């Protein structure tokens, strides 16, 4: 498994975190800022309904198959940084 950090900007498109075919759970952490996240087999529309997830000491999501999860930044301040472990 490896971990990679991503800086997200509010103008960015949806970022696919999982495609539903992962064998092991994927860990998503919101290090700073807030994200929108949703489960969808295809890329969500720019204004799709989504959950809001904020940074904090317990800001982790464990994602398992068959979920296909997407996220994007919610706000400009503070900068949105996530870490994904696959």
Protein backbone atom coordinates (compact mmCIF):
# COMPACT_ATOMS: atom_id res chain seq x y z
CA UNK A 1 0.00 0.00 0.00
CA UNK A 2 1.13 3.54 -0.63
CA UNK A 3 -0.15 6.97 0.35
CA UNK A 4 -0.32 10.01 -1.91
CA UNK A 5 -1.34 13.58 -1.05
CA UNK A 6 -3.45 15.72 -3.38
CA UNK A 7 -4.13 19.47 -3.30
CA UNK A 8 -7.66 20.20 -4.50
CA UNK A 9 -9.03 23.52 -5.73
CA UNK A 10 -12.76 24.40 -5.75
CA UNK A 11 -12.66 24.88 -9.53
CA UNK A 12 -11.32 21.36 -10.09
CA UNK A 13 -13.49 18.63 -11.56
CA UNK A 14 -14.52 15.53 -9.62
CA UNK A 15 -11.57 13.27 -8.73
CA UNK A 16 -12.19 9.52 -8.78
CA UNK A 17 -10.92 7.90 -5.57
CA UNK A 18 -12.09 4.33 -6.28
CA UNK A 19 -13.58 2.60 -9.30
CA UNK A 20 -15.39 -0.15 -7.41
CA UNK A 21 -12.91 -2.85 -8.40
CA UNK A 22 -10.38 -2.39 -5.61
CA UNK A 23 -9.39 -5.61 -3.82
CA UNK A 24 -8.29 -3.94 -0.57
CA UNK A 25 -10.00 -1.08 1.28
CA UNK A 26 -8.88 2.41 0.24
CA UNK A 27 -8.35 4.99 2.98
CA UNK A 28 -9.28 8.63 2.30
CA UNK A 29 -8.17 11.30 4.79
CA UNK A 30 -9.13 14.99 4.68
CA UNK A 31 -5.97 16.68 5.99
CA UNK A 32 -7.26 20.24 5.63
CA UNK A 33 -10.33 21.95 4.25
CA UNK A 34 -13.60 20.32 3.22
CA UNK A 35 -14.59 18.02 0.39
CA UNK A 36 -17.75 17.01 -1.37
CA UNK A 37 -17.87 13.26 -1.90
CA UNK A 38 -20.36 10.96 -3.56
CA UNK A 39 -20.75 7.40 -4.76
CA UNK A 40 -21.36 7.08 -8.49
CA UNK A 41 -20.48 4.58 -11.22
CA UNK A 42 -19.75 7.49 -13.57
CA UNK A 43 -18.34 10.99 -13.07
CA UNK A 44 -20.96 13.10 -11.26
CA UNK A 45 -22.39 16.26 -12.81
CA UNK A 46 -20.64 19.45 -11.61
CA UNK A 47 -23.60 20.29 -9.33
CA UNK A 48 -24.42 16.71 -8.22
CA UNK A 49 -25.76 16.10 -4.74
CA UNK A 50 -22.94 15.09 -2.42
CA UNK A 51 -21.95 14.62 1.20
CA UNK A 52 -19.70 17.17 2.92
CA UNK A 53 -16.68 15.87 4.82
CA UNK A 54 -14.41 18.15 6.88
CA UNK A 55 -10.86 17.80 8.15
CA UNK A 56 -10.32 16.86 11.77
CA UNK A 57 -8.67 14.23 13.95
CA UNK A 58 -11.09 11.53 12.76
CA UNK A 59 -11.52 12.65 9.15
CA UNK A 60 -10.97 9.22 7.58
CA UNK A 61 -13.15 7.23 5.20
CA UNK A 62 -12.53 3.55 4.50
CA UNK A 63 -13.87 2.69 1.06
CA UNK A 64 -14.48 -0.90 -0.05
CA UNK A 65 -15.67 -2.52 -3.27
CA UNK A 66 -18.09 -2.20 -4.97
CA UNK A 67 -18.24 1.51 -4.04
CA UNK A 68 -17.04 3.95 -6.69
CA UNK A 69 -16.25 7.19 -4.85
CA UNK A 70 -15.55 10.68 -6.20
CA UNK A 71 -14.55 13.88 -4.38
CA UNK A 72 -13.79 17.55 -4.99
CA UNK A 73 -12.90 20.61 -2.90
CA UNK A 74 -15.72 22.56 -1.28
CA UNK A 75 -14.04 25.86 -0.28
CA UNK A 76 -10.96 27.94 -1.05
CA UNK A 77 -9.93 28.63 2.56
CA UNK A 78 -8.36 26.68 4.10
CA UNK A 79 -6.68 24.93 1.18
CA UNK A 80 -8.06 21.44 0.64
CA UNK A 81 -5.54 18.63 1.00
CA UNK A 82 -6.41 14.94 1.01
CA UNK A 83 -4.36 11.77 1.37
CA UNK A 84 -5.34 8.51 -0.32
CA UNK A 85 -3.86 5.15 0.67
CA UNK A 86 -4.31 2.36 -1.85
